[in-house]
Amino acid sequence: MSVREHGVGDSRLMGPVSGLLWITAGIAAAVVQPLPGTPHAHPMLAWSLIALILVYGVACVRAWIDWESRTLRDHAVAIVVFQPLIALGLWVSGGVDSYLGPILVLPTLYVAYFFPPRYAWPLAVIEIATYCSPFLYSDADHSHLLLGRAVMYAAAYAGLVATIQYLKSHLVAAERVQRRMAHEDPLTGLPNRRAFDLALDAAVAAGRPFSLLLVDVDHFKAINDTYGHTTGDAVLRAIASRTRECVRATDTLARIGGDEIALVAPDASVAGAERLASALHGAVVGLLPAQGATPVTLTISRASFPDDGRDRDELLRAADRRLHAVKDERAVGSPAPASWPRLGPAGALGAA
């Protein structure tokens, strides 16, 4: 699993946050060194560890280490790799009486927030084991003190992880809802205008040939006026349901207006766009607003990058001109009726 799959924005945050936590720990350890009562049995080793974690922290914050592109597994492995250094830090700073105990809440917070349960709990066990590492070299007179602290540390760690995991799950769920609301049309379930704009901008920025299709529901106002807006909404939902089955996974089929649908088709040539238009026409064949009504039809126009334009505005203008050209041609050849029963001929891919 990539970091992006776990939570939006986490890939950008994990490296800098990790770096800031290491820098905080390094500065705190440096401040403690000259204080009375601080163990000084191994001063060179202590200062070497402080220098190492400060350099590593700066490297994370400055993105000298490209953590953003790494997977969650890579981040988990890095935490495991650092455990011997933390254990060494506990030994240098006094073992059972180490002053590092409180600062170990920082990696606890990091693991609890950034990792899903299947990673967080195994890492919790490993970090608790690291905290208990002084058992390996402490004498019996001090082991009972460490045992009590280890139990309390384990309980605090478990409670903190459980609490943050619970809160994070609600945060992620709320974020998904907000993203869906921001990019999804509530009536049809299709991507909305904002999502369409993002897809169109991305296709233009990619610089590869692609096609843009504009889809208009013929005489949609007549459907609303004759059968009501509830029926009109049902027609739009049915069109969305049918047409989304015709497009590729890489395409973006979006509702961009009342009865307007647009399709951004990456890597689609003119011929590919025509095939997509034909499929969209075929998808609505037999769709009736009401019993005995004239079937729903579509008018579809096309613009292709870079032939019809090299930016979004040029492409939209080209597609819009073709759409209106087809409608104008029909209006001249077959005037639109004043009442519902005749809704006009089937739409076709138009060209200006």
Protein backbone atom coordinates (compact mmCIF):
# COMPACT_ATOMS: atom_id res chain seq x y z
CA MET A 1 0.00 0.00 0.00
CA SER A 2 1.29 3.47 -0.86
CA VAL A 3 1.12 6.28 1.65
CA ARG A 4 -1.47 8.06 -0.51
CA GLU A 5 -3.82 5.11 -0.23
CA HIS A 6 -3.81 5.36 3.56
CA GLY A 7 -4.75 9.01 3.84
CA VAL A 8 -4.85 12.04 1.61
CA GLY A 9 -1.86 14.27 2.19
CA ASP A 10 -0.04 11.76 4.46
CA SER A 11 2.67 11.20 1.87
CA ARG A 12 3.62 14.87 2.09
CA LEU A 13 3.51 14.95 5.88
CA MET A 14 5.22 11.77 7.05
CA GLY A 15 8.78 12.80 6.18
CA PRO A 16 8.63 16.37 7.55
CA VAL A 17 6.74 15.34 10.70
CA SER A 18 9.21 12.55 11.36
CA GLY A 19 12.07 15.00 10.89
CA LEU A 20 10.56 17.54 13.26
CA LEU A 21 10.08 14.88 15.93
CA TRP A 22 13.70 13.73 15.61
CA ILE A 23 14.93 17.33 15.74
CA THR A 24 12.83 17.93 18.86
CA ALA A 25 14.31 14.84 20.52
CA GLY A 26 17.84 15.81 19.51
CA ILE A 27 17.56 19.36 20.83
CA ALA A 28 16.00 18.15 24.08
CA ALA A 29 18.81 15.61 24.56
CA ALA A 30 21.43 18.30 23.87
CA VAL A 31 19.85 20.64 26.43
CA VAL A 32 19.83 17.87 29.05
CA GLN A 33 23.53 17.00 28.66
CA PRO A 34 24.97 19.84 30.81
CA LEU A 35 22.26 19.56 33.50
CA PRO A 36 23.21 18.22 36.96
CA GLY A 37 22.61 14.50 37.41
CA THR A 38 22.77 13.64 33.70
CA PRO A 39 24.82 10.47 33.14
CA HIS A 40 28.18 11.19 31.48
CA ALA A 41 29.74 7.73 31.30
CA HIS A 42 29.81 7.84 27.50
CA PRO A 43 29.79 11.52 26.46
CA MET A 44 31.25 11.02 22.98
CA LEU A 45 28.69 8.35 22.16
CA ALA A 46 25.87 10.48 23.52
CA TRP A 47 26.86 13.50 21.44
CA SER A 48 27.37 11.30 18.38
CA LEU A 49 23.82 9.98 18.70
CA ILE A 50 22.48 13.52 19.15
CA ALA A 51 24.34 14.70 16.04
CA LEU A 52 23.07 11.69 14.04
CA ILE A 53 19.41 12.21 14.86
CA LEU A 54 19.65 15.97 14.23
CA VAL A 55 21.19 15.40 10.80
CA TYR A 56 18.57 12.78 10.00
CA GLY A 57 15.79 15.08 11.18
CA VAL A 58 17.00 17.93 8.98
CA ALA A 59 17.31 15.54 6.02
CA CYS A 60 13.66 14.53 6.46
CA VAL A 61 12.40 18.09 6.84
CA ARG A 62 14.39 19.35 3.84
CA ALA A 63 13.29 16.33 1.76
CA TRP A 64 16.88 15.23 1.16
CA ILE A 65 15.39 11.81 1.85
CA ASP A 66 12.47 11.27 -0.52
CA TRP A 67 10.00 9.78 1.93
CA GLU A 68 6.99 11.06 -0.04
CA SER A 69 7.48 8.48 -2.79
CA ARG A 70 8.01 5.58 -0.39
CA THR A 71 5.43 3.03 0.71
CA LEU A 72 4.05 2.58 4.20
CA ARG A 73 6.12 -0.56 4.46
CA ASP A 74 9.28 1.47 3.82
CA HIS A 75 8.33 3.89 6.59
CA ALA A 76 7.64 0.96 8.94
CA VAL A 77 11.01 -0.60 8.12
CA ALA A 78 12.73 2.72 8.91
CA ILE A 79 11.10 2.76 12.34
CA VAL A 80 12.26 -0.79 13.03
CA VAL A 81 15.80 0.04 11.84
CA PHE A 82 15.99 2.93 14.29
CA GLN A 83 15.01 0.83 17.33
CA PRO A 84 18.61 -0.29 18.08
CA LEU A 85 19.66 3.38 18.10
CA ILE A 86 16.86 4.20 20.54
CA ALA A 87 17.89 1.25 22.71
CA LEU A 88 21.48 2.51 22.58
CA GLY A 89 20.26 5.96 23.58
CA LEU A 90 18.47 4.46 26.59
CA TRP A 91 21.68 2.71 27.63
CA VAL A 92 23.84 5.81 27.21
CA SER A 93 21.36 7.96 29.14
CA GLY A 94 21.16 5.74 32.19
CA GLY A 95 19.25 2.57 31.30
CA VAL A 96 16.58 2.08 33.96
CA ASP A 97 17.00 5.70 35.04
CA SER A 98 17.13 7.10 31.50
CA TYR A 99 15.71 10.56 31.00
CA LEU A 100 14.54 9.56 27.49
CA GLY A 101 11.33 7.88 28.67
CA PRO A 102 9.00 10.89 28.23
CA ILE A 103 10.40 11.75 24.78
CA LEU A 104 9.42 8.30 23.50
CA VAL A 105 5.85 9.56 23.32
CA LEU A 106 6.86 11.25 20.05
CA PRO A 107 7.36 8.06 17.99
CA THR A 108 4.22 6.73 19.65
CA LEU A 109 2.20 9.65 18.28
CA TYR A 110 3.82 9.26 14.86
CA VAL A 111 3.01 5.55 14.58
CA ALA A 112 -0.51 5.95 15.97
CA TYR A 113 -1.46 8.69 13.53
CA PHE A 114 0.23 7.72 10.28
CA PHE A 115 -0.08 3.93 10.24
CA PRO A 116 -3.19 1.74 9.87
CA PRO A 117 -3.82 -0.87 12.59
CA ARG A 118 -2.07 -3.72 10.78
CA TYR A 119 1.16 -1.71 10.98
CA ALA A 120 0.55 0.33 14.13
CA TRP A 121 0.07 -2.56 16.55
CA PRO A 122 3.13 -4.62 15.49
CA LEU A 123 5.20 -1.42 15.64
CA ALA A 124 3.76 -0.77 19.09
CA VAL A 125 5.02 -4.16 20.28
CA ILE A 126 8.48 -3.45 18.83
CA GLU A 127 8.71 0.00 20.44
CA ILE A 128 7.54 -1.33 23.82
CA ALA A 129 10.22 -4.01 23.55
CA THR A 130 12.77 -1.28 22.87
CA TYR A 131 11.67 0.57 25.99
CA CYS A 132 12.15 -2.66 27.95
CA SER A 133 15.67 -3.21 26.55
CA PRO A 134 17.36 -2.13 29.85
CA PHE A 135 16.15 -5.48 31.25
CA LEU A 136 19.05 -7.00 29.30
CA TYR A 137 21.70 -5.31 31.40
CA SER A 138 20.04 -4.02 34.60
CA ASP A 139 20.73 -5.71 37.92
CA ALA A 140 18.01 -7.20 40.06
CA ASP A 141 17.84 -4.15 42.34
CA HIS A 142 16.67 -1.96 39.48
CA SER A 143 14.66 -4.43 37.40
CA HIS A 144 11.55 -4.11 39.54
CA LEU A 145 11.50 -0.36 38.83
CA LEU A 146 11.79 -0.96 35.12
CA LEU A 147 9.04 -3.58 35.17
CA GLY A 148 6.54 -1.15 36.65
CA ARG A 149 7.51 1.57 34.22
CA ALA A 150 7.33 -0.86 31.29
CA VAL A 151 3.81 -1.91 32.25
CA MET A 152 2.69 1.71 32.50
CA TYR A 153 4.44 2.60 29.25
CA ALA A 154 2.76 -0.31 27.46
CA ALA A 155 -0.65 0.69 28.82
CA ALA A 156 -0.14 4.33 27.83
CA TYR A 157 1.12 3.32 24.38
CA ALA A 158 -1.87 1.01 23.77
CA GLY A 159 -4.34 3.63 24.95
CA LEU A 160 -2.77 6.34 22.84
CA VAL A 161 -2.66 4.19 19.71
CA ALA A 162 -6.26 3.04 20.17
CA THR A 163 -7.51 6.60 20.73
CA ILE A 164 -5.67 8.14 17.80
CA GLN A 165 -6.60 5.25 15.49
CA TYR A 166 -10.26 5.74 16.42
CA LEU A 167 -10.13 9.49 15.84
CA LYS A 168 -8.14 9.05 12.61
CA SER A 169 -10.72 6.62 11.21
CA HIS A 170 -13.44 9.21 11.71
CA LEU A 171 -11.25 11.92 10.21
CA VAL A 172 -10.51 9.83 7.12
CA ALA A 173 -14.20 8.94 6.70
CA ALA A 174 -15.20 12.60 6.94
CA GLU A 175 -12.48 13.52 4.46
CA ARG A 176 -13.78 10.94 1.97
CA VAL A 177 -17.29 12.38 2.29
CA GLN A 178 -16.01 15.92 1.76
CA ARG A 179 -13.98 14.90 -1.28
CA ARG A 180 -16.97 13.10 -2.74
CA MET A 181 -19.18 16.12 -2.14
CA ALA A 182 -16.57 18.39 -3.71
CA HIS A 183 -16.12 16.27 -6.84
CA GLU A 184 -19.39 14.37 -7.31
CA ASP A 185 -22.71 15.51 -8.70
CA PRO A 186 -25.31 14.61 -6.03
CA LEU A 187 -28.10 13.87 -8.52
CA THR A 188 -26.36 11.56 -10.97
CA GLY A 189 -23.33 10.37 -9.05
CA LEU A 190 -21.12 11.47 -11.95
CA PRO A 191 -18.10 13.70 -11.40
CA ASN A 192 -19.17 17.35 -11.21
CA ARG A 193 -17.94 20.48 -13.00
CA ARG A 194 -15.01 20.87 -10.65
CA ALA A 195 -13.84 17.30 -11.29
CA PHE A 196 -14.29 17.84 -15.04
CA ASP A 197 -12.17 21.01 -14.95
CA LEU A 198 -9.41 19.18 -13.09
CA ALA A 199 -9.48 16.29 -15.57
CA LEU A 200 -9.44 18.64 -18.57
CA ASP A 201 -6.57 20.69 -17.14
CA ALA A 202 -4.62 17.50 -16.41
CA ALA A 203 -5.16 16.22 -19.96
CA VAL A 204 -3.96 19.51 -21.46
CA ALA A 205 -0.95 19.59 -19.14
CA ALA A 206 -0.01 16.03 -20.14
CA GLY A 207 0.48 17.25 -23.70
CA ARG A 208 -0.71 13.99 -25.30
CA PRO A 209 -3.55 13.84 -27.85
CA PHE A 210 -6.99 13.47 -26.30
CA SER A 211 -10.61 14.25 -27.13
CA LEU A 212 -13.32 16.24 -25.43
CA LEU A 213 -16.99 15.39 -25.99
CA LEU A 214 -19.93 17.62 -25.05
CA VAL A 215 -23.25 15.85 -24.63
CA ASP A 216 -26.61 17.62 -24.61
CA VAL A 217 -29.95 15.97 -23.83
CA ASP A 218 -32.31 16.90 -26.67
CA HIS A 219 -35.42 18.86 -25.64
CA PHE A 220 -34.78 18.33 -21.96
CA LYS A 221 -36.84 21.41 -21.11
CA ALA A 222 -39.82 19.79 -22.80
CA ILE A 223 -39.40 16.73 -20.58
CA ASN A 224 -39.44 18.91 -17.46
CA ASP A 225 -42.37 21.03 -18.68
CA THR A 226 -44.47 18.02 -19.70
CA TYR A 227 -43.72 15.46 -17.01
CA GLY A 228 -42.23 17.54 -14.21
CA HIS A 229 -38.78 17.97 -12.72
CA THR A 230 -38.96 14.68 -10.84
CA THR A 231 -39.18 12.85 -14.14
CA GLY A 232 -36.46 15.04 -15.58
CA ASP A 233 -34.19 14.12 -12.67
CA ALA A 234 -34.96 10.44 -13.22
CA VAL A 235 -34.02 10.80 -16.89
CA LEU A 236 -30.67 12.37 -15.98
CA ARG A 237 -29.95 9.59 -13.48
CA ALA A 238 -30.81 6.96 -16.09
CA ILE A 239 -28.60 8.63 -18.71
CA ALA A 240 -25.73 8.76 -16.23
CA SER A 241 -26.19 5.12 -15.28
CA ARG A 242 -26.26 3.96 -18.89
CA THR A 243 -23.49 6.14 -20.30
CA ARG A 244 -20.95 5.53 -17.53
CA GLU A 245 -20.88 1.88 -18.62
CA CYS A 246 -19.67 2.93 -22.07
CA VAL A 247 -16.57 4.84 -21.08
CA ARG A 248 -13.11 3.63 -20.11
CA ALA A 249 -11.67 3.69 -16.62
CA THR A 250 -9.30 6.46 -17.71
CA ASP A 251 -12.12 8.68 -19.03
CA THR A 252 -13.91 11.33 -16.99
CA LEU A 253 -17.64 11.49 -17.69
CA ALA A 254 -19.05 14.47 -15.79
CA ARG A 255 -22.25 16.44 -15.42
CA ILE A 256 -21.23 20.05 -16.01
CA GLY A 257 -24.65 21.71 -16.18
CA GLY A 258 -28.37 21.10 -15.96
CA ASP A 259 -28.68 18.66 -18.88
CA GLU A 260 -25.07 18.91 -20.06
CA ILE A 261 -22.59 16.08 -19.79
CA ALA A 262 -18.96 16.19 -20.86
CA LEU A 263 -16.37 13.50 -21.45
CA VAL A 264 -12.60 13.89 -21.25
CA ALA A 265 -11.07 10.92 -23.09
CA PRO A 266 -7.27 10.72 -22.72
CA ASP A 267 -5.38 9.32 -25.72
CA ALA A 268 -8.59 9.20 -27.79
CA SER A 269 -8.12 10.13 -31.46
CA VAL A 270 -10.85 11.58 -33.65
CA ALA A 271 -11.86 8.06 -34.63
CA GLY A 272 -11.83 7.02 -30.99
CA ALA A 273 -14.00 9.99 -30.06
CA GLU A 274 -16.50 9.03 -32.75
CA ARG A 275 -16.67 5.49 -31.40
CA LEU A 276 -17.26 6.86 -27.90
CA ALA A 277 -20.01 9.16 -29.22
CA SER A 278 -21.66 6.25 -30.98
CA ALA A 279 -21.54 4.22 -27.78
CA LEU A 280 -23.10 7.07 -25.80
CA HIS A 281 -25.89 7.41 -28.36
CA GLY A 282 -26.51 3.68 -28.20
CA ALA A 283 -26.60 3.69 -24.41
CA VAL A 284 -29.79 5.77 -24.28
CA VAL A 285 -31.66 3.92 -27.04
CA GLY A 286 -35.06 2.94 -25.70
CA LEU A 287 -34.93 5.29 -22.72
CA LEU A 288 -38.43 6.72 -22.24
CA PRO A 289 -39.30 9.58 -19.85
CA ALA A 290 -42.77 8.08 -19.44
CA GLN A 291 -44.97 5.41 -20.93
CA GLY A 292 -45.72 6.25 -24.56
CA ALA A 293 -43.30 9.19 -24.66
CA THR A 294 -40.78 9.82 -27.40
CA PRO A 295 -37.40 8.19 -26.59
CA VAL A 296 -34.63 10.33 -25.20
CA THR A 297 -31.89 11.30 -27.67
CA LEU A 298 -28.56 13.08 -27.38
CA THR A 299 -26.58 15.62 -29.37
CA ILE A 300 -22.83 15.14 -29.09
CA SER A 301 -19.97 17.29 -30.34
CA ARG A 302 -16.23 16.79 -30.28
CA ALA A 303 -12.97 18.70 -29.99
CA SER A 304 -9.56 17.07 -30.14
CA PHE A 305 -6.24 18.17 -28.69
CA PRO A 306 -4.11 19.60 -30.25
CA ASP A 307 -5.93 19.88 -33.61
CA ASP A 308 -8.87 21.93 -32.31
CA GLY A 309 -7.01 23.84 -29.61
CA ARG A 310 -4.01 23.79 -27.33
CA ASP A 311 -5.69 24.97 -24.15
CA ARG A 312 -8.94 24.27 -22.33
CA ASP A 313 -10.74 27.40 -23.53
CA GLU A 314 -10.01 26.75 -27.20
CA LEU A 315 -11.16 23.16 -26.91
CA LEU A 316 -14.37 24.09 -25.11
CA ARG A 317 -15.14 26.78 -27.69
CA ALA A 318 -14.54 24.37 -30.57
CA ALA A 319 -16.77 21.68 -29.05
CA ASP A 320 -19.45 24.24 -28.18
CA ARG A 321 -19.46 25.65 -31.74
CA ARG A 322 -19.96 22.19 -33.18
CA LEU A 323 -22.73 21.43 -30.71
CA HIS A 324 -24.66 24.56 -31.65
CA ALA A 325 -23.99 24.00 -35.34
CA VAL A 326 -25.71 20.62 -35.18
CA LYS A 327 -28.65 22.04 -33.25
CA ASP A 328 -28.98 24.99 -35.65
CA GLU A 329 -28.92 22.66 -38.64
CA ARG A 330 -31.71 20.60 -37.14
CA ALA A 331 -33.74 23.68 -36.29
CA VAL A 332 -33.63 24.79 -39.94
CA GLY A 333 -34.38 21.36 -41.36
CA SER A 334 -37.01 20.31 -38.84
CA PRO A 335 -38.48 23.01 -36.59
CA ALA A 336 -38.89 21.96 -32.98
CA PRO A 337 -42.52 21.24 -32.09
CA ALA A 338 -44.34 23.31 -29.53
CA SER A 339 -45.63 20.27 -27.64
CA TRP A 340 -43.94 17.17 -26.23
CA PRO A 341 -44.91 14.23 -28.50
CA ARG A 342 -42.26 14.90 -31.20
CA LEU A 343 -38.80 15.46 -29.75
CA GLY A 344 -36.80 15.41 -32.95
CA PRO A 345 -34.45 12.96 -34.65
CA ALA A 346 -31.61 11.07 -33.00
CA GLY A 347 -28.50 13.13 -32.30
CA ALA A 348 -25.31 12.58 -34.24
CA LEU A 349 -21.71 13.58 -33.82
CA GLY A 350 -21.64 17.01 -35.39
CA ALA A 351 -18.87 18.88 -37.14
CA ALA A 352 -18.78 22.59 -37.73
